[in-house]
Amino acid sequence: MSSTADSPTLALARRVLRIEAAAVSALADRLGEEFERAVALILQRHGRVIVTGIGKSGHIGRKLAATLASTGTPAYFVHAAEAAHGDLGMITPEDVVIALSNSGTSEEVLTIVPLVKRQGAKLISITGRPESPLAQQADVHLEAAVAEEACPLNLAPTASTTATLALGDALAVALLDARGFGADDFARSHPGGALGRRLLTHVRDVMRPAGTVPTVVPDAPLTEALLAMTAGGMGMTAITDEGAKPIGIFTDGDLRRALERGCDVRSARLADVMTRNPRSIGPDALAVEAAELMERMRISQLLVVGKEGCLAGALTTHDLMLAKVI
């Protein structure tokens, strides 16, 4: 190991990561009935989940609320101090409040607990002290205690916030699973990003429709196919039978291979050089599936075939790139 790897800075950084990893690992061993009660309580209610906290716990709470909201559990964050000055009006009797406080004694959080209960909402607390006032007043308490903070002074919230964050993620994922929340649901809550494009874009959204795809019959001369391919601008032409069902494809790659074999372009028939039984995909498939198929088969063009087996369109890797699917 180099001298740099033995430096005090790296040694301290490794210690921090090991302490935080141990804190999260210990949580897994402590999960039990209370966690199941928390999941059941949220599922039983018909309102939303309101996450509250202050300080570092507040920051973790914001992330928990965002994760819940994006995974099928309507949620938002209310700052504990703001809650005591009017924002409690957002809470309804059908809501569940998740209050975060490592000590379980945060004054701002404890101040709003009686008001939450008076509203008829249920309270889940996440603290590091089961005997704390917040834990004792909650309908369900989730313990996120850690053996030590990663801070050398054992003061700054480090391992405790990581543990709370991980416990919140476990809660969100358990709810996701219980609700049957799938990839399409996830995409609908992330429509603006790359993930949404990958999960919401279908082949029909990016393909070129059959009317614009260059198409020739199998007994056509190769020169006719070349003209169609050039005019179509896709680097290919589809070969279809009388019922518009694709029976082959001719690409620029097929042309290169034919020339390497000494093919006479002026006299060759398309049936002699085309690729028979070409790869295809349905219009309702995800565009990312088309991208995966094209990458795996090392092809740049793909025919799209409808339910009746007729040519519905075609797409190229360039089309997928323009749609930002790849």
Protein backbone atom coordinates (compact mmCIF):
# COMPACT_ATOMS: atom_id res chain seq x y z
CA MET A 1 0.00 0.00 0.00
CA SER A 2 1.31 3.43 -0.89
CA SER A 3 2.16 6.07 1.69
CA THR A 4 -0.81 8.10 0.44
CA ALA A 5 -3.18 5.25 1.31
CA ASP A 6 -1.78 5.28 4.87
CA SER A 7 -2.37 9.00 5.34
CA PRO A 8 -4.43 10.18 8.35
CA THR A 9 -7.00 11.67 6.00
CA LEU A 10 -7.71 8.37 4.25
CA ALA A 11 -7.62 6.46 7.52
CA LEU A 12 -10.24 8.79 8.99
CA ALA A 13 -12.39 8.61 5.86
CA ARG A 14 -12.33 4.80 5.97
CA ARG A 15 -13.29 4.89 9.63
CA VAL A 16 -16.27 7.12 8.86
CA LEU A 17 -17.51 4.80 6.13
CA ARG A 18 -17.09 1.70 8.29
CA ILE A 19 -18.96 3.26 11.20
CA GLU A 20 -21.83 4.36 8.96
CA ALA A 21 -21.96 0.99 7.19
CA ALA A 22 -22.09 -0.77 10.58
CA ALA A 23 -24.90 1.54 11.70
CA VAL A 24 -27.01 0.66 8.67
CA SER A 25 -26.22 -3.04 9.00
CA ALA A 26 -27.33 -3.04 12.62
CA LEU A 27 -30.70 -1.61 11.58
CA ALA A 28 -31.44 -4.67 9.46
CA ASP A 29 -31.05 -6.95 12.46
CA ARG A 30 -33.41 -4.83 14.57
CA LEU A 31 -36.31 -4.57 12.12
CA GLY A 32 -39.43 -6.30 13.36
CA GLU A 33 -43.12 -5.89 14.12
CA GLU A 34 -42.96 -2.12 14.55
CA PHE A 35 -41.70 -1.72 11.00
CA GLU A 36 -44.55 -3.90 9.71
CA ARG A 37 -47.00 -1.85 11.78
CA ALA A 38 -45.67 1.35 10.22
CA VAL A 39 -46.17 -0.02 6.70
CA ALA A 40 -49.68 -1.27 7.53
CA LEU A 41 -50.63 2.05 9.14
CA ILE A 42 -49.68 4.04 6.06
CA LEU A 43 -51.46 1.60 3.75
CA GLN A 44 -54.64 1.74 5.84
CA ARG A 45 -54.94 5.52 5.74
CA HIS A 46 -56.53 7.33 2.82
CA GLY A 47 -54.64 10.60 3.18
CA ARG A 48 -51.03 11.54 2.61
CA VAL A 49 -47.78 11.12 4.48
CA ILE A 50 -46.41 14.30 6.02
CA VAL A 51 -42.77 14.12 7.02
CA THR A 52 -41.49 16.60 9.57
CA GLY A 53 -38.26 17.36 11.38
CA ILE A 54 -35.75 20.10 12.04
CA GLY A 55 -32.04 20.54 11.51
CA LYS A 56 -30.24 17.57 9.97
CA SER A 57 -33.31 15.41 10.60
CA GLY A 58 -35.29 17.91 8.56
CA HIS A 59 -32.94 17.49 5.62
CA ILE A 60 -33.30 13.71 5.84
CA GLY A 61 -37.06 14.18 6.10
CA ARG A 62 -37.16 16.14 2.85
CA LYS A 63 -35.42 13.29 1.09
CA LEU A 64 -37.77 10.71 2.64
CA ALA A 65 -40.83 12.67 1.51
CA ALA A 66 -39.42 12.95 -2.01
CA THR A 67 -38.68 9.22 -2.16
CA LEU A 68 -42.16 8.31 -0.91
CA ALA A 69 -43.82 10.64 -3.41
CA SER A 70 -41.89 9.21 -6.34
CA THR A 71 -42.61 5.60 -5.39
CA GLY A 72 -46.37 5.64 -5.08
CA THR A 73 -47.00 7.10 -1.62
CA PRO A 74 -48.25 10.72 -1.81
CA ALA A 75 -46.08 12.66 0.62
CA TYR A 76 -44.63 16.07 1.34
CA PHE A 77 -42.33 17.67 3.89
CA VAL A 78 -43.42 20.22 6.49
CA HIS A 79 -40.73 21.97 8.53
CA ALA A 80 -41.47 21.47 12.21
CA ALA A 81 -41.01 25.15 13.06
CA GLU A 82 -43.26 26.26 10.20
CA ALA A 83 -45.86 23.68 11.23
CA ALA A 84 -46.30 25.46 14.55
CA HIS A 85 -46.95 28.72 12.69
CA GLY A 86 -49.76 27.74 10.36
CA ASP A 87 -48.58 24.83 8.23
CA LEU A 88 -50.36 22.35 10.48
CA GLY A 89 -53.44 23.36 8.56
CA MET A 90 -52.18 21.10 5.76
CA ILE A 91 -52.73 18.00 7.90
CA THR A 92 -56.03 16.12 7.68
CA PRO A 93 -57.44 13.34 9.89
CA GLU A 94 -56.61 10.72 7.23
CA ASP A 95 -52.93 11.64 7.07
CA VAL A 96 -49.93 9.95 8.65
CA VAL A 97 -47.19 12.15 10.09
CA ILE A 98 -43.64 10.80 10.21
CA ALA A 99 -41.61 12.80 12.72
CA LEU A 100 -37.83 12.54 12.67
CA SER A 101 -35.62 13.42 15.64
CA ASN A 102 -32.52 11.50 16.67
CA SER A 103 -32.82 12.59 20.31
CA GLY A 104 -36.59 12.39 20.32
CA THR A 105 -36.64 15.62 22.33
CA SER A 106 -36.61 18.31 19.62
CA GLU A 107 -38.79 21.04 21.06
CA GLU A 108 -40.18 22.16 17.71
CA VAL A 109 -41.30 18.62 16.89
CA LEU A 110 -42.77 17.89 20.33
CA THR A 111 -44.73 21.14 20.18
CA ILE A 112 -46.79 19.98 17.22
CA VAL A 113 -47.40 16.38 18.40
CA PRO A 114 -50.54 17.19 20.47
CA LEU A 115 -51.92 19.22 17.58
CA VAL A 116 -51.29 16.39 15.13
CA LYS A 117 -53.17 14.01 17.39
CA ARG A 118 -55.99 16.51 17.87
CA GLN A 119 -56.38 16.61 14.10
CA GLY A 120 -56.92 12.85 14.15
CA ALA A 121 -53.78 12.05 12.12
CA LYS A 122 -51.56 9.11 13.05
CA LEU A 123 -47.97 9.58 14.15
CA ILE A 124 -44.90 7.50 13.28
CA SER A 125 -41.68 8.58 14.94
CA ILE A 126 -38.14 7.72 13.91
CA THR A 127 -35.68 8.39 16.72
CA GLY A 128 -32.51 7.01 18.22
CA ARG A 129 -34.07 6.75 21.69
CA PRO A 130 -37.09 4.49 22.28
CA GLU A 131 -37.58 6.01 25.73
CA SER A 132 -37.74 9.59 24.40
CA PRO A 133 -40.92 11.69 24.61
CA LEU A 134 -41.43 11.62 20.83
CA ALA A 135 -41.09 7.83 20.70
CA GLN A 136 -43.47 7.37 23.60
CA GLN A 137 -46.17 9.60 22.12
CA ALA A 138 -46.11 8.02 18.65
CA ASP A 139 -48.58 5.43 17.42
CA VAL A 140 -45.61 3.55 15.94
CA HIS A 141 -41.96 4.06 16.76
CA LEU A 142 -39.07 3.06 14.50
CA GLU A 143 -35.73 2.94 16.25
CA ALA A 144 -32.71 4.28 14.36
CA ALA A 145 -30.18 4.25 17.21
CA VAL A 146 -26.49 4.02 16.38
CA ALA A 147 -23.58 2.88 18.53
CA GLU A 148 -21.58 6.02 17.73
CA GLU A 149 -21.45 8.93 15.37
CA ALA A 150 -18.76 8.88 12.68
CA CYS A 151 -17.65 12.33 13.80
CA PRO A 152 -14.38 12.02 15.83
CA LEU A 153 -16.04 14.11 18.53
CA ASN A 154 -19.09 11.81 18.49
CA LEU A 155 -21.22 14.94 18.18
CA ALA A 156 -22.05 15.86 14.57
CA PRO A 157 -25.01 13.90 13.17
CA THR A 158 -23.34 11.49 10.73
CA ALA A 159 -24.02 7.81 11.35
CA SER A 160 -27.39 8.69 12.88
CA THR A 161 -28.56 10.61 9.81
CA THR A 162 -27.31 7.85 7.51
CA ALA A 163 -29.22 5.27 9.55
CA THR A 164 -32.39 7.36 9.45
CA LEU A 165 -32.00 7.86 5.72
CA ALA A 166 -31.59 4.12 5.14
CA LEU A 167 -34.54 3.29 7.38
CA GLY A 168 -36.67 5.76 5.43
CA ASP A 169 -35.63 4.13 2.18
CA ALA A 170 -36.57 0.72 3.57
CA LEU A 171 -40.00 2.07 4.49
CA ALA A 172 -40.53 3.63 1.06
CA VAL A 173 -39.48 0.47 -0.79
CA ALA A 174 -41.66 -1.74 1.42
CA LEU A 175 -44.63 0.50 0.58
CA LEU A 176 -43.72 0.46 -3.10
CA ASP A 177 -43.79 -3.33 -3.08
CA ALA A 178 -47.02 -3.53 -1.10
CA ARG A 179 -48.76 -1.19 -3.57
CA GLY A 180 -47.57 -3.17 -6.59
CA PHE A 181 -45.84 -0.04 -7.87
CA GLY A 182 -44.15 -0.91 -11.19
CA ALA A 183 -41.74 0.56 -13.71
CA ASP A 184 -44.52 2.30 -15.66
CA ASP A 185 -45.79 3.92 -12.46
CA PHE A 186 -42.27 5.07 -11.65
CA ALA A 187 -41.83 6.53 -15.11
CA ARG A 188 -45.05 8.53 -14.81
CA SER A 189 -43.62 10.33 -11.80
CA HIS A 190 -40.31 10.96 -13.64
CA PRO A 191 -41.47 12.03 -17.14
CA GLY A 192 -38.91 14.77 -17.63
CA GLY A 193 -35.69 12.84 -17.26
CA ALA A 194 -33.76 10.13 -19.03
CA LEU A 195 -35.50 7.51 -16.90
CA GLY A 196 -38.91 8.68 -18.06
CA ARG A 197 -37.84 8.57 -21.68
CA ARG A 198 -36.57 5.03 -21.28
CA LEU A 199 -39.69 3.78 -19.55
CA LEU A 200 -42.41 5.74 -21.31
CA THR A 201 -41.21 5.88 -24.92
CA HIS A 202 -42.56 3.09 -27.10
CA VAL A 203 -41.40 1.92 -30.51
CA ARG A 204 -44.49 3.47 -32.13
CA ASP A 205 -43.37 6.86 -30.77
CA VAL A 206 -40.01 6.82 -32.56
CA MET A 207 -40.45 4.53 -35.57
CA ARG A 208 -40.89 5.74 -39.12
CA PRO A 209 -44.35 4.60 -40.28
CA ALA A 210 -44.67 2.02 -43.05
CA GLY A 211 -45.63 4.64 -45.64
CA THR A 212 -42.24 6.31 -45.30
CA VAL A 213 -40.14 3.13 -45.16
CA PRO A 214 -38.48 2.19 -48.50
CA THR A 215 -39.99 -1.09 -49.64
CA VAL A 216 -39.40 -3.35 -52.64
CA VAL A 217 -40.46 -6.83 -53.72
CA PRO A 218 -38.01 -9.76 -53.58
CA ASP A 219 -37.73 -10.31 -57.35
CA ALA A 220 -36.72 -6.69 -57.95
CA PRO A 221 -33.27 -6.00 -59.38
CA LEU A 222 -30.61 -4.92 -56.91
CA THR A 223 -30.36 -1.53 -58.62
CA GLU A 224 -34.00 -0.81 -57.73
CA ALA A 225 -33.28 -1.62 -54.09
CA LEU A 226 -30.29 0.70 -54.12
CA LEU A 227 -32.38 3.56 -55.46
CA ALA A 228 -35.08 2.94 -52.84
CA MET A 229 -32.51 2.73 -50.08
CA THR A 230 -30.88 6.01 -51.15
CA ALA A 231 -34.22 7.81 -51.36
CA GLY A 232 -35.39 6.49 -47.99
CA GLY A 233 -32.37 7.77 -46.07
CA MET A 234 -32.45 4.87 -43.60
CA GLY A 235 -29.53 2.84 -44.94
CA MET A 236 -31.96 0.00 -45.70
CA THR A 237 -34.98 -1.13 -47.61
CA ALA A 238 -37.61 -3.61 -46.49
CA ILE A 239 -38.58 -6.51 -48.72
CA THR A 240 -42.25 -7.48 -48.46
CA ASP A 241 -44.57 -10.00 -50.10
CA GLU A 242 -47.87 -9.20 -51.78
CA GLY A 243 -49.58 -9.01 -48.38
CA ALA A 244 -47.15 -6.35 -47.10
CA LYS A 245 -45.54 -8.87 -44.78
CA PRO A 246 -41.76 -8.44 -44.47
CA ILE A 247 -39.74 -11.39 -45.70
CA GLY A 248 -36.35 -9.72 -45.79
CA ILE A 249 -34.26 -6.61 -45.37
CA PHE A 250 -31.43 -5.15 -47.43
CA THR A 251 -29.03 -2.79 -45.70
CA ASP A 252 -25.85 -0.97 -46.54
CA GLY A 253 -24.07 -3.77 -44.68
CA ASP A 254 -25.64 -6.35 -47.02
CA LEU A 255 -24.42 -4.26 -49.95
CA ARG A 256 -20.84 -4.23 -48.67
CA ARG A 257 -20.88 -7.97 -48.13
CA ALA A 258 -22.30 -8.55 -51.61
CA LEU A 259 -19.56 -6.43 -53.20
CA GLU A 260 -16.91 -8.31 -51.21
CA ARG A 261 -18.24 -11.53 -52.77
CA GLY A 262 -17.85 -10.06 -56.24
CA CYS A 263 -21.55 -9.42 -56.85
CA ASP A 264 -22.39 -7.67 -60.15
CA VAL A 265 -24.69 -4.85 -59.03
CA ARG A 266 -26.09 -4.38 -62.56
CA SER A 267 -27.38 -7.93 -62.95
CA ALA A 268 -28.00 -9.18 -59.41
CA ARG A 269 -31.50 -9.79 -58.10
CA LEU A 270 -32.43 -8.58 -54.64
CA ALA A 271 -33.51 -12.06 -53.54
CA ASP A 272 -29.89 -13.21 -53.93
CA VAL A 273 -28.36 -10.66 -51.55
CA MET A 274 -31.05 -9.71 -49.03
CA THR A 275 -31.13 -10.91 -45.42
CA ARG A 276 -34.09 -13.26 -45.02
CA ASN A 277 -36.23 -13.56 -41.87
CA PRO A 278 -35.03 -10.21 -40.51
CA ARG A 279 -35.18 -9.22 -36.87
CA SER A 280 -38.28 -7.26 -35.95
CA ILE A 281 -40.15 -5.79 -33.00
CA GLY A 282 -43.74 -4.77 -32.28
CA PRO A 283 -44.88 -1.13 -32.15
CA ASP A 284 -46.09 -1.47 -28.55
CA ALA A 285 -42.69 -2.57 -27.25
CA LEU A 286 -40.59 -0.10 -25.30
CA ALA A 287 -38.09 1.81 -27.38
CA VAL A 288 -35.40 0.76 -24.93
CA GLU A 289 -36.18 -2.88 -25.82
CA ALA A 290 -35.52 -2.06 -29.46
CA ALA A 291 -32.25 -0.42 -28.49
CA GLU A 292 -31.22 -3.49 -26.49
CA LEU A 293 -32.09 -5.83 -29.37
CA MET A 294 -30.20 -3.75 -31.91
CA GLU A 295 -27.15 -3.55 -29.68
CA ARG A 296 -27.20 -7.26 -28.93
CA MET A 297 -27.60 -8.24 -32.60
CA ARG A 298 -25.19 -5.52 -33.75
CA ILE A 299 -27.63 -4.08 -36.25
CA SER A 300 -28.43 -0.45 -37.03
CA GLN A 301 -31.92 -0.88 -38.53
CA LEU A 302 -34.94 -2.74 -37.22
CA LEU A 303 -38.28 -3.51 -38.87
CA VAL A 304 -41.48 -2.96 -36.90
CA VAL A 305 -44.18 -5.56 -37.48
CA GLY A 306 -47.81 -5.21 -36.41
CA LYS A 307 -50.13 -7.83 -34.94
CA GLU A 308 -51.21 -9.10 -38.37
CA GLY A 309 -47.60 -9.64 -39.37
CA CYS A 310 -47.60 -6.69 -41.75
CA LEU A 311 -44.92 -4.03 -41.91
CA ALA A 312 -45.85 -1.23 -39.50
CA GLY A 313 -42.66 0.77 -39.79
CA ALA A 314 -38.94 0.74 -39.13
CA LEU A 315 -36.40 2.51 -37.00
CA THR A 316 -32.68 3.08 -36.86
CA THR A 317 -30.21 3.75 -34.09
CA HIS A 318 -30.23 7.36 -35.26
CA ASP A 319 -33.96 7.55 -34.57
CA LEU A 320 -33.37 6.24 -31.04
CA MET A 321 -30.59 8.77 -30.49
CA LEU A 322 -32.79 11.63 -31.65
CA ALA A 323 -35.44 10.50 -29.16
CA LYS A 324 -32.70 10.39 -26.46
CA VAL A 325 -33.51 6.77 -25.72
CA ILE A 326 -29.81 5.97 -26.18
